[in-house]
Protein backbone atom coordinates (compact mmCIF):
# COMPACT_ATOMS: atom_id res chain seq x y z
CA MET A 1 5.99 49.38 29.51
CA GLU A 2 6.95 48.11 32.96
CA GLU A 3 7.64 44.37 33.21
CA LEU A 4 5.41 42.30 35.44
CA PRO A 5 7.05 40.93 38.60
CA VAL A 6 8.17 37.32 38.44
CA THR A 7 5.78 36.36 41.23
CA THR A 8 2.87 37.82 39.25
CA LEU A 9 3.83 35.89 36.11
CA VAL A 10 4.20 32.64 38.01
CA GLY A 11 0.99 33.24 39.95
CA GLY A 12 -0.89 33.95 36.71
CA ALA A 13 0.46 30.76 35.16
CA GLY A 14 -0.56 28.83 38.28
CA LEU A 15 -4.07 30.24 38.08
CA LEU A 16 -4.44 29.11 34.44
CA ILE A 17 -2.99 25.68 35.19
CA GLY A 18 -5.37 25.34 38.15
CA ILE A 19 -8.40 26.31 36.05
CA ALA A 20 -7.49 23.67 33.47
CA PHE A 21 -6.86 21.07 36.20
CA GLY A 22 -10.16 21.81 37.93
CA ALA A 23 -12.09 21.59 34.66
CA VAL A 24 -10.47 18.33 33.55
CA THR A 25 -10.71 16.70 36.97
CA ARG A 26 -14.36 17.64 37.46
CA ARG A 27 -15.31 16.58 33.96
CA ALA A 28 -13.45 13.25 33.99
CA ASP A 29 -13.82 12.50 37.73
CA PHE A 30 -10.07 11.94 37.94
CA CYS A 31 -9.29 10.68 41.44
CA ALA A 32 -6.59 8.44 42.90
CA LEU A 33 -8.86 7.24 45.73
CA GLY A 34 -11.58 6.61 43.16
CA ALA A 35 -9.10 4.50 41.19
CA LEU A 36 -8.38 2.41 44.28
CA ALA A 37 -12.10 2.03 44.99
CA ASP A 38 -12.95 1.02 41.40
CA MET A 39 -10.13 -1.52 41.33
CA ARG A 40 -10.85 -3.04 44.75
CA ILE A 41 -14.65 -3.18 44.55
CA TYR A 42 -15.60 -3.42 40.88
CA GLY A 43 -12.45 -4.74 39.23
CA ASP A 44 -12.44 -1.62 37.00
CA TYR A 45 -8.89 -0.41 36.30
CA ARG A 46 -9.66 2.51 33.99
CA ARG A 47 -9.21 5.25 36.60
CA LEU A 48 -6.02 3.55 37.79
CA ARG A 49 -4.75 3.64 34.21
CA ALA A 50 -5.74 7.30 33.94
CA TRP A 51 -3.57 8.02 36.99
CA LEU A 52 -0.70 5.99 35.49
CA MET A 53 -1.09 7.76 32.15
CA ALA A 54 -0.79 11.07 33.99
CA ILE A 55 2.46 9.80 35.55
CA ALA A 56 3.84 8.65 32.18
CA THR A 57 2.95 11.93 30.49
CA ALA A 58 4.35 14.00 33.36
CA MET A 59 7.55 11.95 33.40
CA ALA A 60 8.04 12.45 29.67
CA GLY A 61 7.30 16.18 29.87
CA THR A 62 9.39 16.74 32.99
CA HIS A 63 12.44 15.01 31.58
CA LEU A 64 12.08 16.70 28.21
CA LEU A 65 12.29 20.06 29.99
CA TYR A 66 15.29 18.75 31.93
CA TRP A 67 17.07 17.40 28.84
CA LEU A 68 16.56 20.69 27.04
CA GLY A 69 18.21 22.48 29.96
CA LEU A 70 15.08 24.52 30.72
CA ILE A 71 14.74 23.30 34.31
CA ASP A 72 16.98 21.52 36.81
CA ILE A 73 14.81 18.92 38.52
CA HIS A 74 17.50 18.41 41.18
CA ARG A 75 16.36 21.76 42.62
CA SER A 76 12.99 20.25 43.53
CA VAL A 77 12.24 19.00 47.03
CA TYR A 78 11.61 15.51 45.61
CA LEU A 79 15.29 15.09 44.73
CA SER A 80 16.75 16.44 47.95
CA PRO A 81 19.79 14.48 49.20
CA ASP A 82 18.03 14.28 52.57
CA LEU A 83 15.90 11.12 52.31
CA GLY A 84 12.97 11.37 54.73
CA TRP A 85 11.96 7.74 54.58
CA PHE A 86 10.04 7.74 57.88
CA GLY A 87 8.03 10.84 56.96
CA ALA A 88 7.25 9.38 53.54
CA VAL A 89 6.00 6.09 55.00
CA PHE A 90 4.26 7.23 58.19
CA GLY A 91 2.95 10.44 56.66
CA GLY A 92 1.76 8.56 53.59
CA LEU A 93 -0.16 6.06 55.74
CA LEU A 94 -1.85 8.90 57.63
CA PHE A 95 -2.68 10.72 54.42
CA GLY A 96 -4.08 7.62 52.72
CA TYR A 97 -6.30 6.77 55.69
CA GLY A 98 -7.41 10.40 55.92
CA THR A 99 -8.50 10.47 52.27
CA VAL A 100 -10.95 7.66 52.96
CA MET A 101 -12.32 9.32 56.09
CA ALA A 102 -12.77 12.64 54.25
CA ARG A 103 -13.97 10.93 51.05
CA GLY A 104 -11.17 12.35 48.93
CA CYS A 105 -7.75 14.00 48.97
CA GLY A 106 -7.13 17.74 48.94
CA GLY A 107 -7.50 18.01 45.17
CA ARG A 108 -10.78 16.09 45.13
CA SER A 109 -12.05 18.11 48.07
CA LEU A 110 -11.47 21.29 46.04
CA ILE A 111 -13.46 19.79 43.15
CA ARG A 112 -16.28 18.77 45.49
CA LEU A 113 -16.38 22.25 47.01
CA ALA A 114 -16.49 23.72 43.51
CA GLY A 115 -19.63 21.63 42.96
CA GLY A 116 -21.31 22.97 46.12
CA ASP A 117 -20.31 20.31 48.68
CA LEU A 118 -19.86 22.17 51.98
CA ARG A 119 -18.49 19.05 53.66
CA ALA A 120 -15.38 19.50 51.52
CA LEU A 121 -15.03 23.07 52.81
CA VAL A 122 -14.73 21.74 56.37
CA THR A 123 -12.13 19.21 55.21
CA LEU A 124 -10.09 21.85 53.38
CA ILE A 125 -10.05 24.29 56.30
CA THR A 126 -9.01 21.50 58.68
CA LEU A 127 -6.39 20.20 56.25
CA GLY A 128 -4.89 23.66 55.80
CA ILE A 129 -4.73 24.38 59.54
CA PHE A 130 -3.13 21.05 60.43
CA ALA A 131 -0.73 21.31 57.51
CA TYR A 132 0.55 24.64 58.82
CA MET A 133 0.62 23.34 62.40
CA THR A 134 2.86 20.51 61.22
CA LEU A 135 4.95 22.71 58.98
CA ARG A 136 5.79 25.49 61.39
CA GLY A 137 3.27 25.51 64.23
CA PHE A 138 2.26 23.51 67.28
CA THR A 139 3.26 20.08 65.93
CA GLY A 140 6.13 21.43 63.85
CA ALA A 141 8.72 20.82 66.59
CA ALA A 142 7.82 17.12 66.72
CA ARG A 143 8.11 16.85 62.94
CA VAL A 144 11.55 18.50 62.94
CA TRP A 145 12.72 16.16 65.72
CA VAL A 146 11.51 13.08 63.82
CA GLU A 147 13.16 14.26 60.61
CA ALA A 148 16.46 14.92 62.38
CA ALA A 149 16.39 11.45 63.93
CA ALA A 150 15.23 9.42 60.94
CA ASN A 151 16.29 11.20 57.75
CA ILE A 152 19.26 9.81 55.82
CA ASP A 153 21.89 12.23 54.49
CA LEU A 154 22.72 10.70 51.11
CA ASN A 155 25.45 13.22 50.38
CA ALA A 156 27.42 11.80 53.29
CA ARG A 157 27.20 8.43 51.54
CA GLY A 158 28.41 9.77 48.23
CA VAL A 159 24.99 9.97 46.55
CA ALA A 160 23.89 13.22 44.92
CA SER A 161 20.14 12.92 45.57
CA GLN A 162 17.30 10.55 46.45
CA GLY A 163 16.59 10.09 42.76
CA ILE A 164 16.47 6.39 41.90
CA PRO A 165 18.91 6.90 38.97
CA ASP A 166 21.41 8.55 41.33
CA LEU A 167 21.12 5.69 43.81
CA ILE A 168 21.55 3.06 41.07
CA GLY A 169 24.43 4.95 39.49
CA ALA A 170 26.27 5.23 42.82
CA ALA A 171 25.65 1.56 43.64
CA ILE A 172 27.00 0.10 40.38
CA GLY A 173 29.43 2.83 39.39
CA ILE A 174 27.64 4.16 36.30
CA ASP A 175 27.04 7.79 35.45
CA SER A 176 23.66 8.65 36.96
CA GLY A 177 22.78 10.82 33.96
CA ILE A 178 22.91 7.77 31.68
CA VAL A 179 20.81 5.79 34.14
CA ARG A 180 18.27 8.62 34.33
CA ASN A 181 17.96 8.88 30.56
CA LEU A 182 17.44 5.16 30.12
CA MET A 183 15.12 4.85 33.10
CA ALA A 184 12.92 7.82 32.16
CA VAL A 185 12.40 6.47 28.63
CA ALA A 186 11.87 2.88 29.78
CA VAL A 187 9.45 3.66 32.63
CA THR A 188 7.43 6.06 30.48
CA ALA A 189 7.20 3.49 27.67
CA VAL A 190 6.22 0.61 29.96
CA ILE A 191 3.52 2.61 31.74
CA ALA A 192 2.12 3.96 28.46
CA TRP A 193 2.09 0.45 26.98
CA TYR A 194 0.32 -0.96 30.06
CA CYS A 195 -2.36 1.71 29.79
CA LEU A 196 -2.89 1.70 26.03
CA ALA A 197 -2.82 -2.10 25.69
CA ASN A 198 -6.11 -2.22 27.59
CA GLU A 199 -9.08 -1.95 25.22
CA PRO A 200 -11.64 -0.66 27.78
CA PHE A 201 -9.20 2.15 28.64
CA ARG A 202 -8.55 3.01 24.98
CA ARG A 203 -12.31 3.18 24.38
CA SER A 204 -12.82 5.53 27.32
CA PRO A 205 -11.69 8.98 26.14
CA GLN A 206 -12.80 10.43 29.48
CA HIS A 207 -10.02 8.52 31.24
CA LEU A 208 -7.42 8.51 28.46
CA TYR A 209 -7.48 12.22 27.74
CA ALA A 210 -7.74 13.17 31.42
CA GLY A 211 -4.56 11.26 32.20
CA ILE A 212 -2.67 12.90 29.34
CA ALA A 213 -4.01 16.37 30.16
CA ILE A 214 -3.08 16.18 33.84
CA GLY A 215 0.39 14.92 32.99
CA LEU A 216 0.87 17.89 30.67
CA LEU A 217 -0.33 20.26 33.39
CA ILE A 218 2.26 18.85 35.79
CA SER A 219 4.91 19.56 33.15
CA ALA A 220 3.48 23.05 32.68
CA GLY A 221 3.85 23.60 36.43
CA TRP A 222 7.56 22.79 36.28
CA ALA A 223 7.94 25.12 33.31
CA ALA A 224 6.07 27.94 35.05
CA THR A 225 8.21 27.90 38.19
CA GLY A 226 11.43 26.89 36.45
CA LEU A 227 11.27 29.30 33.49
CA LEU A 228 9.01 32.18 34.52
CA GLY A 229 10.33 31.93 38.07
CA ALA A 230 14.00 31.97 37.04
CA ASP A 231 14.80 35.36 38.52
CA GLU A 232 18.53 36.07 38.37
CA PHE A 233 18.72 37.35 41.94
CA GLU A 234 15.85 35.57 43.72
CA PRO A 235 14.74 32.49 41.77
CA LEU A 236 11.48 31.01 42.96
CA PRO A 237 11.42 27.43 44.27
CA LEU A 238 11.06 24.79 41.54
CA VAL A 239 7.69 23.17 42.20
CA SER A 240 4.74 21.78 40.33
CA MET A 241 1.21 20.87 41.36
CA SER A 242 0.47 19.70 44.90
CA PHE A 243 -2.44 20.20 47.30
CA VAL A 244 -1.29 20.08 50.93
CA ARG A 245 0.89 23.04 51.82
CA PRO A 246 -0.70 25.14 49.03
CA ILE A 247 -4.10 24.79 50.75
CA GLY A 248 -2.51 26.09 53.96
CA ASP A 249 -0.82 28.87 51.98
CA SER A 250 -4.21 29.78 50.48
CA LEU A 251 -5.82 30.13 53.90
CA GLN A 252 -2.93 32.29 55.06
CA TYR A 253 -3.19 34.42 51.91
CA LEU A 254 -6.90 34.98 52.50
CA MET A 255 -6.14 36.19 56.04
CA THR A 256 -3.10 38.35 55.19
CA PHE A 257 -3.96 39.58 51.69
CA THR A 258 -2.63 43.10 52.21
CA GLY A 259 1.03 43.06 51.21
CA ALA A 260 1.08 39.28 50.73
CA THR A 261 2.47 37.64 47.60
CA ILE A 262 0.46 34.81 46.13
CA SER A 263 2.47 31.64 45.53
CA PHE A 264 2.24 29.29 42.57
CA GLY A 265 0.55 26.65 44.73
CA ALA A 266 -2.06 29.03 46.14
CA ALA A 267 -2.81 30.26 42.61
CA VAL A 268 -3.33 26.65 41.49
CA VAL A 269 -5.74 26.09 44.39
CA GLY A 270 -7.79 29.14 43.39
CA GLY A 271 -7.74 28.13 39.74
CA THR A 272 -8.88 24.60 40.57
CA LEU A 273 -11.93 25.98 42.37
CA ILE A 274 -12.74 28.22 39.40
CA GLY A 275 -12.30 25.47 36.81
CA GLY A 276 -14.32 22.95 38.79
CA PHE A 277 -17.09 25.50 39.41
CA LEU A 278 -17.33 26.42 35.72
CA VAL A 279 -17.72 22.78 34.71
CA ALA A 280 -20.22 22.10 37.51
CA VAL A 281 -22.35 25.04 36.40
CA SER A 282 -22.07 24.28 32.67
CA THR A 283 -23.03 20.63 33.21
CA ARG A 284 -25.80 21.57 35.68
CA THR A 285 -24.29 19.44 38.45
CA PHE A 286 -23.72 22.28 40.91
CA GLN A 287 -25.80 21.64 44.02
CA MET A 288 -25.32 22.76 47.60
CA SER A 289 -25.06 19.91 50.11
CA GLY A 290 -23.87 19.40 53.68
CA PHE A 291 -23.57 16.96 56.56
CA THR A 292 -26.35 14.56 57.45
CA ASP A 293 -25.26 14.01 61.06
CA ALA A 294 -22.50 14.67 63.59
CA PRO A 295 -20.61 11.37 63.01
CA GLU A 296 -20.25 12.23 59.33
CA MET A 297 -18.82 15.63 60.24
CA ASN A 298 -16.36 13.96 62.62
CA HIS A 299 -15.10 11.78 59.77
CA TYR A 300 -14.47 14.76 57.52
CA LEU A 301 -12.77 16.72 60.31
CA PHE A 302 -10.54 13.85 61.37
CA GLY A 303 -9.76 12.97 57.75
CA GLY A 304 -8.74 16.54 57.01
CA ALA A 305 -6.49 16.60 60.09
CA LEU A 306 -4.79 13.33 59.09
CA MET A 307 -4.23 14.60 55.57
CA GLY A 308 -2.77 17.88 56.82
CA VAL A 309 -0.29 16.18 59.17
CA GLY A 310 0.46 13.25 56.86
CA GLY A 311 0.76 15.35 53.73
CA VAL A 312 3.39 17.63 55.25
CA MET A 313 5.35 14.70 56.67
CA ALA A 314 5.21 12.88 53.33
CA LEU A 315 6.00 16.09 51.38
CA GLY A 316 2.91 15.81 49.23
CA CYS A 317 -0.33 14.14 48.26
CA THR A 318 -1.68 11.90 45.51
CA ILE A 319 -0.92 14.65 43.00
CA GLY A 320 2.16 16.19 44.62
CA GLN A 321 4.01 12.95 45.37
CA GLY A 322 1.79 10.70 43.26
CA VAL A 323 2.39 12.48 39.94
CA SER A 324 4.75 15.47 40.28
CA GLY A 325 7.19 13.61 42.56
CA ILE A 326 7.07 10.25 40.77
CA ALA A 327 7.76 12.07 37.50
CA THR A 328 11.22 13.01 38.86
CA LEU A 329 12.00 9.33 39.61
CA SER A 330 12.33 10.05 43.34
CA LEU A 331 12.68 7.17 45.80
CA GLY A 332 10.98 9.25 48.50
CA SER A 333 7.99 9.81 46.22
CA LEU A 334 7.75 6.08 45.50
CA LEU A 335 7.75 5.30 49.23
CA ALA A 336 5.13 7.98 49.92
CA VAL A 337 2.79 6.83 47.15
CA ALA A 338 3.05 3.19 48.23
CA ALA A 339 2.21 4.22 51.80
CA ILE A 340 -0.73 6.37 50.64
CA VAL A 341 -2.16 3.41 48.71
CA VAL A 342 -1.72 1.09 51.70
CA GLY A 343 -3.25 3.67 54.04
CA GLY A 344 -6.23 4.07 51.72
CA ALA A 345 -6.71 0.31 51.47
CA ILE A 346 -6.59 -0.03 55.27
CA GLY A 347 -9.14 2.77 55.57
CA ILE A 348 -11.53 1.12 53.13
CA SER A 349 -11.31 -2.22 54.94
CA ARG A 350 -11.38 -0.87 58.50
CA LEU A 351 -14.35 1.43 57.89
CA GLY A 352 -16.28 -1.41 56.25
CA LEU A 353 -16.90 0.46 52.99
CA ASP A 354 -17.92 -1.64 50.02
CA THR A 355 -19.31 0.74 47.38
CA ALA A 356 -17.79 3.66 45.53
CA ASP A 357 -20.43 6.00 46.95
CA GLN A 358 -19.56 4.96 50.49
CA ILE A 359 -15.86 5.51 49.87
CA LEU A 360 -16.03 8.71 47.85
CA GLY A 361 -19.48 9.98 48.69
CA PRO A 362 -21.64 11.15 45.80
CA ALA A 363 -20.31 14.52 44.61
CA ALA A 364 -22.78 17.35 44.75
CA GLY A 365 -25.19 17.23 41.89
CA GLU A 366 -24.19 13.72 40.80
């Protein structure tokens, strides 16, 4: 029997991971912007803790795979020795502001579309186009120029990567592997304790189990690309879940299907739509909806554009940098996530939004 190509195996794994992610996210309403809204408006930290629990679980799973020698996380873009601090900060601010304008990041927009919200379709198309423009199109030249001017080559300073353990190890003269081991265990334990010490969070299985499940799916993404994608001659890039470039890749795949190879990220995008749709239908929350007026459409368009540009500059989104990247203990990811949070907070204040429905918009059927 002929073996399946590596790309097919990895794409199939991505599809399954995406289906699980879409189902869990739709069912539990997992959302980083929602966490910020709940915390800022209602003083409810359960969705924030769900996000943190996802980070703790992903960090534990990612480093377990690394310690077992199954993946080399230093191959990921998050631990590149080229620290793009300006892109992380400026791109993160743009992305965070854009999520408020579009009422959700790329992942949430996929879930909303899966529930019948056509506004999210407009956001996703715009996000994908602007992501590709910034990656290799019209605005790509400006991005490359900014990166060349602002990025810091850590190798030239004797540091192996932008991983926080590598930076600490180089600064105080301790083996970075020891620092990484201690830091991964300590950070995971502290975050898990912070989450589980809160009684309202412990009594909310919707949030608790969603955080754990999504963290495990991030780990599964690393395993899929690192193990199944470990071709001896042409190994696939080591990546996990993210929703900026993969949305652009998905649009390109739809337009050039003949002879095109589906990537892990594009497979996750398709799976997320399937999983979210199945839950929406099974819970009878699927309902077609659209724009109420032109100004609302402008917000979704502009928000999608900001997320496309900002997400590429910051190398990820609230899932890509916010969970997958943070799980590798990357300084760049920490900067990007902090900027996304600040950008989102500025968006909420500047747009005068004071309820969760105003910030997120009621999902179709809810």
